[in-house]
Amino acid sequence: METETLVEEQVVEKLVDERNLIVFNDDVNTFDHVIESLIKVCKHDPIQAEQCTHIIHYKGKCDVKSGHYEALQVMCTGLLDRGISAEIH
């Protein structure tokens, strides 16, 4: 029983700490700029960056990274500095 409760608490704690970095579509940035930014700022590989960029374009937004708020805040600021609309949820 104690092990089961501990595992449940760890899972809940992890879910609460997990955040998503979301990038939004705009009419300003080029595909190449967004792809390059995801590679440099979010450490995506080229294929992942390209796939996310297509999702952003066609769906209006994409969760490009998950993790702890502190790490995502650095990435979010980096994307914003490059003129890319991003938020942490």
C-alpha atoms as a PDB file:
ATOM      1  CA  MET A   1       0.000   0.000   0.000  1.00  0.00           C
ATOM      2  CA  GLU A   2       2.762   2.491   0.889  1.00  0.00           C
ATOM      3  CA  THR A   3       4.575   1.913  -2.414  1.00  0.00           C
ATOM      4  CA  GLU A   4       1.375   2.395  -4.397  1.00  0.00           C
ATOM      5  CA  THR A   5       0.597   5.686  -2.621  1.00  0.00           C
ATOM      6  CA  LEU A   6       4.141   6.956  -3.112  1.00  0.00           C
ATOM      7  CA  VAL A   7       4.028   6.209  -6.851  1.00  0.00           C
ATOM      8  CA  GLU A   8       0.669   7.975  -7.179  1.00  0.00           C
ATOM      9  CA  GLU A   9       2.047  11.056  -5.384  1.00  0.00           C
ATOM     10  CA  GLN A  10       5.108  11.125  -7.641  1.00  0.00           C
ATOM     11  CA  VAL A  11       2.970  10.906 -10.787  1.00  0.00           C
ATOM     12  CA  VAL A  12       0.647  13.687  -9.600  1.00  0.00           C
ATOM     13  CA  GLU A  13       3.629  15.837  -8.634  1.00  0.00           C
ATOM     14  CA  LYS A  14       5.211  15.301 -12.053  1.00  0.00           C
ATOM     15  CA  LEU A  15       1.983  16.212 -13.844  1.00  0.00           C
ATOM     16  CA  VAL A  16       1.640  19.401 -11.808  1.00  0.00           C
ATOM     17  CA  ASP A  17       5.248  20.422 -12.528  1.00  0.00           C
ATOM     18  CA  GLU A  18       4.982  19.693 -16.273  1.00  0.00           C
ATOM     19  CA  ARG A  19       4.241  22.710 -18.421  1.00  0.00           C
ATOM     20  CA  ASN A  20       4.009  23.168 -22.184  1.00  0.00           C
ATOM     21  CA  LEU A  21       5.723  25.745 -24.359  1.00  0.00           C
ATOM     22  CA  ILE A  22       3.263  26.707 -27.071  1.00  0.00           C
ATOM     23  CA  VAL A  23       4.184  28.546 -30.272  1.00  0.00           C
ATOM     24  CA  PHE A  24       1.490  30.390 -32.208  1.00  0.00           C
ATOM     25  CA  ASN A  25       1.150  31.028 -35.924  1.00  0.00           C
ATOM     26  CA  ASP A  26       1.574  34.523 -37.330  1.00  0.00           C
ATOM     27  CA  ASP A  27       1.765  36.199 -40.709  1.00  0.00           C
ATOM     28  CA  VAL A  28       5.262  37.589 -40.143  1.00  0.00           C
ATOM     29  CA  ASN A  29       7.789  34.807 -39.613  1.00  0.00           C
ATOM     30  CA  THR A  30       8.953  32.495 -42.379  1.00  0.00           C
ATOM     31  CA  PHE A  31       9.029  28.715 -42.108  1.00  0.00           C
ATOM     32  CA  ASP A  32      12.829  28.818 -42.215  1.00  0.00           C
ATOM     33  CA  HIS A  33      13.024  31.338 -39.356  1.00  0.00           C
ATOM     34  CA  VAL A  34      10.704  29.298 -37.124  1.00  0.00           C
ATOM     35  CA  ILE A  35      12.511  26.043 -37.935  1.00  0.00           C
ATOM     36  CA  GLU A  36      15.916  27.604 -37.242  1.00  0.00           C
ATOM     37  CA  SER A  37      14.614  29.107 -33.993  1.00  0.00           C
ATOM     38  CA  LEU A  38      13.191  25.801 -32.748  1.00  0.00           C
ATOM     39  CA  ILE A  39      16.513  24.117 -33.481  1.00  0.00           C
ATOM     40  CA  LYS A  40      18.619  26.776 -31.750  1.00  0.00           C
ATOM     41  CA  VAL A  41      16.366  27.761 -28.857  1.00  0.00           C
ATOM     42  CA  CYS A  42      14.463  24.540 -28.100  1.00  0.00           C
ATOM     43  CA  LYS A  43      17.170  22.080 -29.207  1.00  0.00           C
ATOM     44  CA  HIS A  44      14.869  20.354 -31.701  1.00  0.00           C
ATOM     45  CA  ASP A  45      16.392  18.186 -34.394  1.00  0.00           C
ATOM     46  CA  PRO A  46      15.659  19.477 -37.924  1.00  0.00           C
ATOM     47  CA  ILE A  47      12.841  17.018 -38.626  1.00  0.00           C
ATOM     48  CA  GLN A  48      11.093  17.749 -35.327  1.00  0.00           C
ATOM     49  CA  ALA A  49      11.413  21.510 -35.917  1.00  0.00           C
ATOM     50  CA  GLU A  50       9.966  21.195 -39.420  1.00  0.00           C
ATOM     51  CA  GLN A  51       7.047  19.067 -38.215  1.00  0.00           C
ATOM     52  CA  CYS A  52       6.226  21.513 -35.414  1.00  0.00           C
ATOM     53  CA  THR A  53       6.406  24.427 -37.845  1.00  0.00           C
ATOM     54  CA  HIS A  54       3.880  22.763 -40.156  1.00  0.00           C
ATOM     55  CA  ILE A  55       1.551  22.085 -37.217  1.00  0.00           C
ATOM     56  CA  ILE A  56       1.887  25.730 -36.124  1.00  0.00           C
ATOM     57  CA  HIS A  57       1.043  26.888 -39.634  1.00  0.00           C
ATOM     58  CA  TYR A  58      -1.937  24.608 -40.246  1.00  0.00           C
ATOM     59  CA  LYS A  59      -3.402  24.306 -36.718  1.00  0.00           C
ATOM     60  CA  GLY A  60      -2.542  27.795 -35.451  1.00  0.00           C
ATOM     61  CA  LYS A  61      -0.360  26.590 -32.594  1.00  0.00           C
ATOM     62  CA  CYS A  62       1.769  23.699 -31.380  1.00  0.00           C
ATOM     63  CA  ASP A  63       3.158  22.446 -28.069  1.00  0.00           C
ATOM     64  CA  VAL A  64       6.828  22.502 -29.001  1.00  0.00           C
ATOM     65  CA  LYS A  65       8.327  21.505 -25.642  1.00  0.00           C
ATOM     66  CA  SER A  66       7.271  20.113 -22.252  1.00  0.00           C
ATOM     67  CA  GLY A  67       9.107  20.445 -18.987  1.00  0.00           C
ATOM     68  CA  HIS A  68       9.610  22.500 -15.856  1.00  0.00           C
ATOM     69  CA  TYR A  69       8.615  26.143 -15.932  1.00  0.00           C
ATOM     70  CA  GLU A  70      12.137  27.460 -15.331  1.00  0.00           C
ATOM     71  CA  ALA A  71      13.609  25.662 -18.336  1.00  0.00           C
ATOM     72  CA  LEU A  72      10.685  26.584 -20.574  1.00  0.00           C
ATOM     73  CA  GLN A  73      10.862  30.238 -19.503  1.00  0.00           C
ATOM     74  CA  VAL A  74      14.374  30.526 -20.961  1.00  0.00           C
ATOM     75  CA  MET A  75      13.184  29.000 -24.238  1.00  0.00           C
ATOM     76  CA  CYS A  76      10.040  31.135 -24.331  1.00  0.00           C
ATOM     77  CA  THR A  77      12.107  34.299 -23.867  1.00  0.00           C
ATOM     78  CA  GLY A  78      14.477  33.150 -26.622  1.00  0.00           C
ATOM     79  CA  LEU A  79      11.597  32.640 -29.040  1.00  0.00           C
ATOM     80  CA  LEU A  80       9.982  35.959 -28.104  1.00  0.00           C
ATOM     81  CA  ASP A  81      13.324  37.702 -28.667  1.00  0.00           C
ATOM     82  CA  ARG A  82      13.270  36.256 -32.195  1.00  0.00           C
ATOM     83  CA  GLY A  83       9.802  37.686 -32.845  1.00  0.00           C
ATOM     84  CA  ILE A  84       7.970  34.371 -32.440  1.00  0.00           C
ATOM     85  CA  SER A  85       4.731  34.303 -30.405  1.00  0.00           C
ATOM     86  CA  ALA A  86       5.066  31.824 -27.547  1.00  0.00           C
ATOM     87  CA  GLU A  87       3.508  31.149 -24.145  1.00  0.00           C
ATOM     88  CA  ILE A  88       3.891  28.670 -21.322  1.00  0.00           C
ATOM     89  CA  HIS A  89       0.767  26.793 -20.183  1.00  0.00           C
END
